[in-house]
Amino acid sequence: MNVGVIFPHTEIGSDPGAIREFAVGVEELGYTHLLSYDHVLGAGLRTRPGFQGPFNSSHAFHEVLTLFAFLAAVTTRLEFVSGILVLPQRQTALVAKQAAEVDLLSGGRLRLGVGGGWNEVEFIGLNASFPDRGRRFEEQVEVLRRLWTEPDVEFEGEFHTIPDAGINPYPVQRPIPVWIGTRSRSLLPRVARLADGWLPFSTEPDEVRPDWERLLELVTEQGRDPGTMGLEGNLVLREYEPDDWPAQHSAWSELGPSHLSILTTGLGLGTVDRHLALLSEVYNGFVKS
């Protein structure tokens, strides 16, 4: 099981030196990957007193692909994971170009986690349609893979027209791994058809287990090898007492995911040094063993 870290967007601030220090420190500790959330716009609450959602305009989010491009220059081994990039609110060819550039500059260290998104406010601000995002998403995944692997693409779909054109330069990985994030059981068939891996969002292995088993069945029904399907677990430290952290790590390990990401926000750490100190304690306490 590859164990990585979730980038602490809401607590790391805007100092490029601190951001660099965090990523370099995570790599030096021995973690395998850095996962970053994605939001372009946050909803303002002045006109939305009843807004429901985990994040709003008061929460800071560094733009995920630009962040990875910056960190590619200061790290050598760390894999970068978008978890998740909201694909339907973006132009597909531009995502293909940006992701290919990050993959190239990092030496093939990008894993592109994508999803349909939940925040209609963000879609409106980006001039993207919210109601048909699911159908558009499926077509986008096909277009991304073709742009990453073919020199010139001719495509005519419901949402995309590419008139014999392609991106250049290409990514190192052809294609870049595409993982799909969803917490909805009804969308597992989409994951089975389209994804290289699944990001389930749940922090409880016992909640994930039945859906993971069902997903592997669906993958087999698609004629695919279930052994190639990845799974990313989440260990959110603030949800447990410190004495329970090793048990949660073991519970994820027993489920058998390919990857696990650890989140340190919400514990009042405040500084990069304190985040890294806790990650060092966790790594040496039970991750490394």
C-alpha atoms as a PDB file:
ATOM      1  CA  MET A   1       0.000   0.000   0.000  1.00  0.00           C
ATOM      2  CA  ASN A   2       1.436   3.351  -1.087  1.00  0.00           C
ATOM      3  CA  VAL A   3       0.901   5.955   1.631  1.00  0.00           C
ATOM      4  CA  GLY A   4       0.770   9.634   0.766  1.00  0.00           C
ATOM      5  CA  VAL A   5      -0.368  12.957   2.191  1.00  0.00           C
ATOM      6  CA  ILE A   6      -3.265  15.302   1.437  1.00  0.00           C
ATOM      7  CA  PHE A   7      -2.107  18.859   0.773  1.00  0.00           C
ATOM      8  CA  PRO A   8      -3.351  21.087   3.646  1.00  0.00           C
ATOM      9  CA  HIS A   9      -4.892  23.799   1.456  1.00  0.00           C
ATOM     10  CA  THR A  10      -6.807  25.638   4.141  1.00  0.00           C
ATOM     11  CA  GLU A  11      -3.878  25.812   6.565  1.00  0.00           C
ATOM     12  CA  ILE A  12      -0.716  26.183   4.497  1.00  0.00           C
ATOM     13  CA  GLY A  13      -1.185  29.807   3.399  1.00  0.00           C
ATOM     14  CA  SER A  14       0.230  31.520   0.310  1.00  0.00           C
ATOM     15  CA  ASP A  15       3.983  31.585   0.937  1.00  0.00           C
ATOM     16  CA  PRO A  16       5.707  29.718  -1.944  1.00  0.00           C
ATOM     17  CA  GLY A  17       8.584  28.858   0.376  1.00  0.00           C
ATOM     18  CA  ALA A  18       6.258  27.175   2.855  1.00  0.00           C
ATOM     19  CA  ILE A  19       4.540  25.233   0.080  1.00  0.00           C
ATOM     20  CA  ARG A  20       7.900  24.065  -1.223  1.00  0.00           C
ATOM     21  CA  GLU A  21       9.038  23.146   2.290  1.00  0.00           C
ATOM     22  CA  PHE A  22       5.931  21.040   2.851  1.00  0.00           C
ATOM     23  CA  ALA A  23       6.253  19.038  -0.391  1.00  0.00           C
ATOM     24  CA  VAL A  24       9.999  18.486  -0.008  1.00  0.00           C
ATOM     25  CA  GLY A  25       9.476  17.465   3.600  1.00  0.00           C
ATOM     26  CA  VAL A  26       6.750  14.967   2.688  1.00  0.00           C
ATOM     27  CA  GLU A  27       9.033  13.422   0.067  1.00  0.00           C
ATOM     28  CA  GLU A  28      12.010  13.253   2.430  1.00  0.00           C
ATOM     29  CA  LEU A  29       9.904  11.526   5.085  1.00  0.00           C
ATOM     30  CA  GLY A  30       9.231   8.683   2.650  1.00  0.00           C
ATOM     31  CA  TYR A  31       5.616   9.288   1.634  1.00  0.00           C
ATOM     32  CA  THR A  32       4.831   8.227  -1.921  1.00  0.00           C
ATOM     33  CA  HIS A  33       2.384  10.851  -3.156  1.00  0.00           C
ATOM     34  CA  LEU A  34       0.774  14.220  -2.546  1.00  0.00           C
ATOM     35  CA  LEU A  35      -2.970  14.529  -3.159  1.00  0.00           C
ATOM     36  CA  SER A  36      -4.566  17.925  -3.699  1.00  0.00           C
ATOM     37  CA  TYR A  37      -8.204  19.004  -3.728  1.00  0.00           C
ATOM     38  CA  ASP A  38      -9.576  21.330  -6.416  1.00  0.00           C
ATOM     39  CA  HIS A  39     -11.815  24.367  -6.388  1.00  0.00           C
ATOM     40  CA  VAL A  40     -11.583  27.290  -8.802  1.00  0.00           C
ATOM     41  CA  LEU A  41     -14.329  29.370  -7.197  1.00  0.00           C
ATOM     42  CA  GLY A  42     -15.802  29.335  -3.727  1.00  0.00           C
ATOM     43  CA  ALA A  43     -19.382  30.382  -3.084  1.00  0.00           C
ATOM     44  CA  GLY A  44     -19.797  33.662  -1.203  1.00  0.00           C
ATOM     45  CA  LEU A  45     -22.090  33.400   1.800  1.00  0.00           C
ATOM     46  CA  ARG A  46     -23.301  37.016   1.909  1.00  0.00           C
ATOM     47  CA  THR A  47     -26.119  36.228  -0.526  1.00  0.00           C
ATOM     48  CA  ARG A  48     -26.356  32.513   0.364  1.00  0.00           C
ATOM     49  CA  PRO A  49     -26.973  32.254   4.106  1.00  0.00           C
ATOM     50  CA  GLY A  50     -28.279  28.688   3.709  1.00  0.00           C
ATOM     51  CA  PHE A  51     -25.465  27.440   1.470  1.00  0.00           C
ATOM     52  CA  GLN A  52     -24.690  23.781   2.044  1.00  0.00           C
ATOM     53  CA  GLY A  53     -21.201  22.542   1.253  1.00  0.00           C
ATOM     54  CA  PRO A  54     -17.906  21.774   2.951  1.00  0.00           C
ATOM     55  CA  PHE A  55     -16.089  24.723   1.361  1.00  0.00           C
ATOM     56  CA  ASN A  56     -16.915  28.318   0.416  1.00  0.00           C
ATOM     57  CA  SER A  57     -15.098  31.493  -0.628  1.00  0.00           C
ATOM     58  CA  SER A  58     -13.439  31.797   2.790  1.00  0.00           C
ATOM     59  CA  HIS A  59     -11.401  28.639   2.131  1.00  0.00           C
ATOM     60  CA  ALA A  60      -8.128  28.991   0.213  1.00  0.00           C
ATOM     61  CA  PHE A  61      -7.423  26.560  -2.623  1.00  0.00           C
ATOM     62  CA  HIS A  62      -4.270  26.665  -4.744  1.00  0.00           C
ATOM     63  CA  GLU A  63      -4.963  25.826  -8.394  1.00  0.00           C
ATOM     64  CA  VAL A  64      -4.124  22.174  -8.549  1.00  0.00           C
ATOM     65  CA  LEU A  65      -2.259  21.753 -11.850  1.00  0.00           C
ATOM     66  CA  THR A  66      -0.265  24.968 -11.412  1.00  0.00           C
ATOM     67  CA  LEU A  67       0.638  23.789  -7.902  1.00  0.00           C
ATOM     68  CA  PHE A  68       1.864  20.466  -9.263  1.00  0.00           C
ATOM     69  CA  ALA A  69       3.933  22.167 -11.955  1.00  0.00           C
ATOM     70  CA  PHE A  70       5.650  24.242  -9.266  1.00  0.00           C
ATOM     71  CA  LEU A  71       6.266  21.253  -7.020  1.00  0.00           C
ATOM     72  CA  ALA A  72       7.559  19.137  -9.902  1.00  0.00           C
ATOM     73  CA  ALA A  73      10.602  21.406  -9.975  1.00  0.00           C
ATOM     74  CA  VAL A  74      11.461  20.964  -6.299  1.00  0.00           C
ATOM     75  CA  THR A  75      10.824  17.218  -5.862  1.00  0.00           C
ATOM     76  CA  THR A  76      12.193  14.139  -7.597  1.00  0.00           C
ATOM     77  CA  ARG A  77      10.066  11.170  -6.567  1.00  0.00           C
ATOM     78  CA  LEU A  78       6.713  12.342  -5.208  1.00  0.00           C
ATOM     79  CA  GLU A  79       3.655  11.411  -7.273  1.00  0.00           C
ATOM     80  CA  PHE A  80       1.050  14.167  -7.717  1.00  0.00           C
ATOM     81  CA  VAL A  81      -2.654  13.286  -7.472  1.00  0.00           C
ATOM     82  CA  SER A  82      -5.641  15.526  -8.107  1.00  0.00           C
ATOM     83  CA  GLY A  83      -8.322  14.385  -5.762  1.00  0.00           C
ATOM     84  CA  ILE A  84     -10.415  15.437  -7.503  1.00  0.00           C
ATOM     85  CA  LEU A  85     -10.201  17.842 -10.432  1.00  0.00           C
ATOM     86  CA  VAL A  86     -13.748  18.910 -11.384  1.00  0.00           C
ATOM     87  CA  LEU A  87     -13.629  17.948 -15.037  1.00  0.00           C
ATOM     88  CA  PRO A  88     -17.006  19.061 -16.508  1.00  0.00           C
ATOM     89  CA  GLN A  89     -16.478  22.702 -15.546  1.00  0.00           C
ATOM     90  CA  ARG A  90     -13.317  22.819 -17.699  1.00  0.00           C
ATOM     91  CA  GLN A  91     -12.451  22.727 -21.391  1.00  0.00           C
ATOM     92  CA  THR A  92     -11.301  19.208 -22.124  1.00  0.00           C
ATOM     93  CA  ALA A  93      -8.512  19.970 -24.580  1.00  0.00           C
ATOM     94  CA  LEU A  94      -7.062  22.536 -22.176  1.00  0.00           C
ATOM     95  CA  VAL A  95      -7.086  19.979 -19.334  1.00  0.00           C
ATOM     96  CA  ALA A  96      -5.349  17.496 -21.646  1.00  0.00           C
ATOM     97  CA  LYS A  97      -2.680  20.084 -22.467  1.00  0.00           C
ATOM     98  CA  GLN A  98      -2.130  21.180 -18.872  1.00  0.00           C
ATOM     99  CA  ALA A  99      -2.032  17.645 -17.490  1.00  0.00           C
ATOM    100  CA  ALA A 100       0.373  16.546 -20.229  1.00  0.00           C
ATOM    101  CA  GLU A 101       2.673  19.438 -19.348  1.00  0.00           C
ATOM    102  CA  VAL A 102       2.660  18.570 -15.637  1.00  0.00           C
ATOM    103  CA  ASP A 103       3.330  14.930 -16.439  1.00  0.00           C
ATOM    104  CA  LEU A 104       6.178  15.876 -18.780  1.00  0.00           C
ATOM    105  CA  LEU A 105       7.824  18.343 -16.400  1.00  0.00           C
ATOM    106  CA  SER A 106       7.534  15.928 -13.459  1.00  0.00           C
ATOM    107  CA  GLY A 107       8.926  12.962 -15.386  1.00  0.00           C
ATOM    108  CA  GLY A 108       5.661  11.013 -15.420  1.00  0.00           C
ATOM    109  CA  ARG A 109       4.522  11.637 -11.852  1.00  0.00           C
ATOM    110  CA  LEU A 110       0.893  12.691 -12.394  1.00  0.00           C
ATOM    111  CA  ARG A 111      -2.209  10.684 -11.506  1.00  0.00           C
ATOM    112  CA  LEU A 112      -5.295  12.597 -12.650  1.00  0.00           C
ATOM    113  CA  GLY A 113      -8.218  12.106 -10.313  1.00  0.00           C
ATOM    114  CA  VAL A 114     -11.390  13.570 -11.802  1.00  0.00           C
ATOM    115  CA  GLY A 115     -15.030  13.891 -10.827  1.00  0.00           C
ATOM    116  CA  GLY A 116     -18.317  15.510 -11.755  1.00  0.00           C
ATOM    117  CA  GLY A 117     -18.421  18.171  -9.056  1.00  0.00           C
ATOM    118  CA  TRP A 118     -21.125  19.262  -6.602  1.00  0.00           C
ATOM    119  CA  ASN A 119     -20.975  23.067  -6.484  1.00  0.00           C
ATOM    120  CA  GLU A 120     -23.340  24.609  -9.052  1.00  0.00           C
ATOM    121  CA  VAL A 121     -22.073  28.090  -8.130  1.00  0.00           C
ATOM    122  CA  GLU A 122     -18.659  27.149  -9.481  1.00  0.00           C
ATOM    123  CA  PHE A 123     -20.117  25.886 -12.753  1.00  0.00           C
ATOM    124  CA  ILE A 124     -22.094  29.107 -13.260  1.00  0.00           C
ATOM    125  CA  GLY A 125     -18.992  31.214 -12.679  1.00  0.00           C
ATOM    126  CA  LEU A 126     -17.019  29.146 -15.197  1.00  0.00           C
ATOM    127  CA  ASN A 127     -19.814  29.299 -17.797  1.00  0.00           C
ATOM    128  CA  ALA A 128     -20.288  25.525 -17.724  1.00  0.00           C
ATOM    129  CA  SER A 129     -23.525  23.563 -17.703  1.00  0.00           C
ATOM    130  CA  PHE A 130     -24.308  21.792 -14.425  1.00  0.00           C
ATOM    131  CA  PRO A 131     -27.296  19.536 -15.291  1.00  0.00           C
ATOM    132  CA  ASP A 132     -25.593  17.550 -18.082  1.00  0.00           C
ATOM    133  CA  ARG A 133     -22.193  17.281 -16.409  1.00  0.00           C
ATOM    134  CA  GLY A 134     -22.388  13.495 -16.104  1.00  0.00           C
ATOM    135  CA  ARG A 135     -22.795  12.833 -19.829  1.00  0.00           C
ATOM    136  CA  ARG A 136     -20.158  15.417 -20.655  1.00  0.00           C
ATOM    137  CA  PHE A 137     -17.773  13.879 -18.120  1.00  0.00           C
ATOM    138  CA  GLU A 138     -17.864  10.460 -19.789  1.00  0.00           C
ATOM    139  CA  GLU A 139     -17.090  11.946 -23.196  1.00  0.00           C
ATOM    140  CA  GLN A 140     -14.309  14.038 -21.674  1.00  0.00           C
ATOM    141  CA  VAL A 141     -12.445  10.993 -20.376  1.00  0.00           C
ATOM    142  CA  GLU A 142     -12.421   9.472 -23.869  1.00  0.00           C
ATOM    143  CA  VAL A 143     -11.216  12.744 -25.413  1.00  0.00           C
ATOM    144  CA  LEU A 144      -8.440  13.134 -22.816  1.00  0.00           C
ATOM    145  CA  ARG A 145      -7.027   9.687 -23.502  1.00  0.00           C
ATOM    146  CA  ARG A 146      -7.116  10.176 -27.249  1.00  0.00           C
ATOM    147  CA  LEU A 147      -5.345  13.533 -27.027  1.00  0.00           C
ATOM    148  CA  TRP A 148      -2.633  12.007 -24.828  1.00  0.00           C
ATOM    149  CA  THR A 149      -1.966   9.079 -27.163  1.00  0.00           C
ATOM    150  CA  GLU A 150      -2.751  10.123 -30.754  1.00  0.00           C
ATOM    151  CA  PRO A 151      -0.831  12.684 -32.833  1.00  0.00           C
ATOM    152  CA  ASP A 152      -3.952  14.026 -34.548  1.00  0.00           C
ATOM    153  CA  VAL A 153      -7.461  13.454 -33.278  1.00  0.00           C
ATOM    154  CA  GLU A 154     -10.687  13.586 -35.246  1.00  0.00           C
ATOM    155  CA  PHE A 155     -13.645  13.489 -32.883  1.00  0.00           C
ATOM    156  CA  GLU A 156     -17.307  14.343 -33.227  1.00  0.00           C
ATOM    157  CA  GLY A 157     -19.378  13.775 -30.110  1.00  0.00           C
ATOM    158  CA  GLU A 158     -22.302  15.262 -28.236  1.00  0.00           C
ATOM    159  CA  PHE A 159     -20.105  17.856 -26.523  1.00  0.00           C
ATOM    160  CA  HIS A 160     -16.807  17.896 -28.427  1.00  0.00           C
ATOM    161  CA  THR A 161     -15.663  18.520 -31.970  1.00  0.00           C
ATOM    162  CA  ILE A 162     -11.960  18.106 -32.718  1.00  0.00           C
ATOM    163  CA  PRO A 163     -11.182  18.687 -36.405  1.00  0.00           C
ATOM    164  CA  ASP A 164      -7.953  16.701 -36.934  1.00  0.00           C
ATOM    165  CA  ALA A 165      -5.846  18.328 -34.214  1.00  0.00           C
ATOM    166  CA  GLY A 166      -3.644  17.288 -31.320  1.00  0.00           C
ATOM    167  CA  ILE A 167      -1.529  18.412 -28.394  1.00  0.00           C
ATOM    168  CA  ASN A 168       2.259  18.571 -28.490  1.00  0.00           C
ATOM    169  CA  PRO A 169       4.377  17.826 -26.479  1.00  0.00           C
ATOM    170  CA  TYR A 170       2.942  14.604 -25.157  1.00  0.00           C
ATOM    171  CA  PRO A 171       2.946  13.381 -21.571  1.00  0.00           C
ATOM    172  CA  VAL A 172       5.491  10.829 -20.409  1.00  0.00           C
ATOM    173  CA  GLN A 173       2.627   8.485 -19.525  1.00  0.00           C
ATOM    174  CA  ARG A 174       0.557   7.732 -22.588  1.00  0.00           C
ATOM    175  CA  PRO A 175      -2.099   7.836 -21.324  1.00  0.00           C
ATOM    176  CA  ILE A 176      -1.920   9.512 -17.938  1.00  0.00           C
ATOM    177  CA  PRO A 177      -3.763   7.366 -15.353  1.00  0.00           C
ATOM    178  CA  VAL A 178      -7.327   8.611 -14.861  1.00  0.00           C
ATOM    179  CA  TRP A 179      -8.962   7.879 -11.514  1.00  0.00           C
ATOM    180  CA  ILE A 180     -12.588   8.758 -10.799  1.00  0.00           C
ATOM    181  CA  GLY A 181     -13.811  10.136  -7.507  1.00  0.00           C
ATOM    182  CA  THR A 182     -17.371   9.476  -6.392  1.00  0.00           C
ATOM    183  CA  ARG A 183     -19.197   8.575  -3.216  1.00  0.00           C
ATOM    184  CA  SER A 184     -22.299   7.386  -5.110  1.00  0.00           C
ATOM    185  CA  ARG A 185     -22.864   3.639  -5.498  1.00  0.00           C
ATOM    186  CA  SER A 186     -24.973   4.317  -8.590  1.00  0.00           C
ATOM    187  CA  LEU A 187     -21.882   5.680 -10.379  1.00  0.00           C
ATOM    188  CA  LEU A 188     -19.712   2.606  -9.825  1.00  0.00           C
ATOM    189  CA  PRO A 189     -20.528   1.262 -13.323  1.00  0.00           C
ATOM    190  CA  ARG A 190     -18.973   4.451 -14.730  1.00  0.00           C
ATOM    191  CA  VAL A 191     -15.839   3.862 -12.663  1.00  0.00           C
ATOM    192  CA  ALA A 192     -15.693   0.242 -13.844  1.00  0.00           C
ATOM    193  CA  ARG A 193     -15.935   1.278 -17.500  1.00  0.00           C
ATOM    194  CA  LEU A 194     -13.697   4.325 -17.572  1.00  0.00           C
ATOM    195  CA  ALA A 195     -11.279   4.517 -14.649  1.00  0.00           C
ATOM    196  CA  ASP A 196      -7.848   3.233 -13.760  1.00  0.00           C
ATOM    197  CA  GLY A 197      -8.739   3.672 -10.094  1.00  0.00           C
ATOM    198  CA  TRP A 198     -11.374   4.846  -7.647  1.00  0.00           C
ATOM    199  CA  LEU A 199     -11.292   7.610  -5.023  1.00  0.00           C
ATOM    200  CA  PRO A 200     -14.273   6.872  -2.765  1.00  0.00           C
ATOM    201  CA  PHE A 201     -13.985   9.868  -0.372  1.00  0.00           C
ATOM    202  CA  SER A 202     -15.228   7.837   2.608  1.00  0.00           C
ATOM    203  CA  THR A 203     -12.893   7.723   5.601  1.00  0.00           C
ATOM    204  CA  GLU A 204     -14.222   4.391   6.916  1.00  0.00           C
ATOM    205  CA  PRO A 205     -12.872   1.138   5.431  1.00  0.00           C
ATOM    206  CA  ASP A 206     -15.979  -0.771   6.497  1.00  0.00           C
ATOM    207  CA  GLU A 207     -18.146   1.672   4.531  1.00  0.00           C
ATOM    208  CA  VAL A 208     -15.963   1.321   1.455  1.00  0.00           C
ATOM    209  CA  ARG A 209     -15.688  -2.477   1.508  1.00  0.00           C
ATOM    210  CA  PRO A 210     -19.088  -3.439  -0.015  1.00  0.00           C
ATOM    211  CA  ASP A 211     -18.784  -0.859  -2.790  1.00  0.00           C
ATOM    212  CA  TRP A 212     -15.191  -1.892  -3.484  1.00  0.00           C
ATOM    213  CA  GLU A 213     -16.238  -5.521  -3.790  1.00  0.00           C
ATOM    214  CA  ARG A 214     -19.098  -4.518  -6.086  1.00  0.00           C
ATOM    215  CA  LEU A 215     -16.765  -2.379  -8.187  1.00  0.00           C
ATOM    216  CA  LEU A 216     -14.390  -5.291  -8.727  1.00  0.00           C
ATOM    217  CA  GLU A 217     -17.346  -7.403  -9.884  1.00  0.00           C
ATOM    218  CA  LEU A 218     -18.340  -4.687 -12.351  1.00  0.00           C
ATOM    219  CA  VAL A 219     -14.766  -4.416 -13.614  1.00  0.00           C
ATOM    220  CA  THR A 220     -14.741  -8.163 -14.277  1.00  0.00           C
ATOM    221  CA  GLU A 221     -18.064  -7.889 -16.103  1.00  0.00           C
ATOM    222  CA  GLN A 222     -16.454  -5.300 -18.356  1.00  0.00           C
ATOM    223  CA  GLY A 223     -13.825  -7.870 -19.347  1.00  0.00           C
ATOM    224  CA  ARG A 224     -11.133  -5.990 -17.464  1.00  0.00           C
ATOM    225  CA  ASP A 225      -8.619  -7.380 -15.000  1.00  0.00           C
ATOM    226  CA  PRO A 226      -9.802  -6.375 -11.483  1.00  0.00           C
ATOM    227  CA  GLY A 227      -6.203  -6.564 -10.320  1.00  0.00           C
ATOM    228  CA  THR A 228      -5.461  -3.423 -12.320  1.00  0.00           C
ATOM    229  CA  MET A 229      -8.110  -1.295 -10.574  1.00  0.00           C
ATOM    230  CA  GLY A 230      -6.636   1.056  -7.992  1.00  0.00           C
ATOM    231  CA  LEU A 231      -8.243   2.243  -4.762  1.00  0.00           C
ATOM    232  CA  GLU A 232      -7.298   5.317  -2.707  1.00  0.00           C
ATOM    233  CA  GLY A 233      -8.243   5.261   0.980  1.00  0.00           C
ATOM    234  CA  ASN A 234      -8.407   8.274   3.277  1.00  0.00           C
ATOM    235  CA  LEU A 235      -7.097   8.487   6.842  1.00  0.00           C
ATOM    236  CA  VAL A 236      -8.397  11.753   8.319  1.00  0.00           C
ATOM    237  CA  LEU A 237      -6.495  12.044  11.578  1.00  0.00           C
ATOM    238  CA  ARG A 238      -8.854  14.539  13.231  1.00  0.00           C
ATOM    239  CA  GLU A 239     -11.686  12.001  13.155  1.00  0.00           C
ATOM    240  CA  TYR A 240      -9.935   9.661  15.620  1.00  0.00           C
ATOM    241  CA  GLU A 241      -7.986   9.735  18.822  1.00  0.00           C
ATOM    242  CA  PRO A 242      -4.209   9.424  18.230  1.00  0.00           C
ATOM    243  CA  ASP A 243      -4.181   6.008  19.891  1.00  0.00           C
ATOM    244  CA  ASP A 244      -6.626   4.821  17.216  1.00  0.00           C
ATOM    245  CA  TRP A 245      -4.598   5.993  14.198  1.00  0.00           C
ATOM    246  CA  PRO A 246      -2.552   2.772  13.846  1.00  0.00           C
ATOM    247  CA  ALA A 247      -5.718   0.661  13.945  1.00  0.00           C
ATOM    248  CA  GLN A 248      -7.322   2.733  11.199  1.00  0.00           C
ATOM    249  CA  HIS A 249      -4.175   2.384   9.095  1.00  0.00           C
ATOM    250  CA  SER A 250      -4.306  -1.384   9.625  1.00  0.00           C
ATOM    251  CA  ALA A 251      -8.003  -1.494   8.731  1.00  0.00           C
ATOM    252  CA  TRP A 252      -7.292   0.188   5.412  1.00  0.00           C
ATOM    253  CA  SER A 253      -4.344  -2.105   4.798  1.00  0.00           C
ATOM    254  CA  GLU A 254      -6.545  -5.167   5.380  1.00  0.00           C
ATOM    255  CA  LEU A 255      -9.057  -3.884   2.822  1.00  0.00           C
ATOM    256  CA  GLY A 256      -6.218  -3.895   0.313  1.00  0.00           C
ATOM    257  CA  PRO A 257      -6.183  -0.481  -1.371  1.00  0.00           C
ATOM    258  CA  SER A 258      -3.292   0.377  -3.640  1.00  0.00           C
ATOM    259  CA  HIS A 259      -2.996   3.824  -2.021  1.00  0.00           C
ATOM    260  CA  LEU A 260      -3.842   5.631   1.213  1.00  0.00           C
ATOM    261  CA  SER A 261      -3.713   9.387   1.832  1.00  0.00           C
ATOM    262  CA  ILE A 262      -3.361  11.010   5.252  1.00  0.00           C
ATOM    263  CA  LEU A 263      -4.982  14.360   6.114  1.00  0.00           C
ATOM    264  CA  THR A 264      -3.554  16.495   8.936  1.00  0.00           C
ATOM    265  CA  THR A 265      -5.825  19.549   8.764  1.00  0.00           C
ATOM    266  CA  GLY A 266      -8.288  20.377  11.519  1.00  0.00           C
ATOM    267  CA  LEU A 267      -5.895  19.556  14.362  1.00  0.00           C
ATOM    268  CA  GLY A 268      -4.815  23.124  15.130  1.00  0.00           C
ATOM    269  CA  LEU A 269      -1.292  22.587  13.791  1.00  0.00           C
ATOM    270  CA  GLY A 270      -1.002  26.008  12.211  1.00  0.00           C
ATOM    271  CA  THR A 271       2.489  25.829  10.666  1.00  0.00           C
ATOM    272  CA  VAL A 272       4.259  23.710   8.055  1.00  0.00           C
ATOM    273  CA  ASP A 273       6.786  22.587  10.644  1.00  0.00           C
ATOM    274  CA  ARG A 274       4.043  21.239  12.888  1.00  0.00           C
ATOM    275  CA  HIS A 275       2.305  19.457  10.001  1.00  0.00           C
ATOM    276  CA  LEU A 276       5.590  17.812   9.039  1.00  0.00           C
ATOM    277  CA  ALA A 277       6.397  16.921  12.634  1.00  0.00           C
ATOM    278  CA  LEU A 278       3.100  15.080  12.954  1.00  0.00           C
ATOM    279  CA  LEU A 279       3.578  13.373   9.588  1.00  0.00           C
ATOM    280  CA  SER A 280       7.034  12.257  10.732  1.00  0.00           C
ATOM    281  CA  GLU A 281       5.559  10.821  13.925  1.00  0.00           C
ATOM    282  CA  VAL A 282       2.878   8.997  11.943  1.00  0.00           C
ATOM    283  CA  TYR A 283       5.311   7.668   9.346  1.00  0.00           C
ATOM    284  CA  ASN A 284       7.827   6.374  11.846  1.00  0.00           C
ATOM    285  CA  GLY A 285       5.146   5.202  14.260  1.00  0.00           C
ATOM    286  CA  PHE A 286       3.177   2.885  11.998  1.00  0.00           C
ATOM    287  CA  VAL A 287       3.336   3.737   8.275  1.00  0.00           C
ATOM    288  CA  LYS A 288       6.951   2.653   7.774  1.00  0.00           C
ATOM    289  CA  SER A 289       6.395  -0.624   9.585  1.00  0.00           C
END
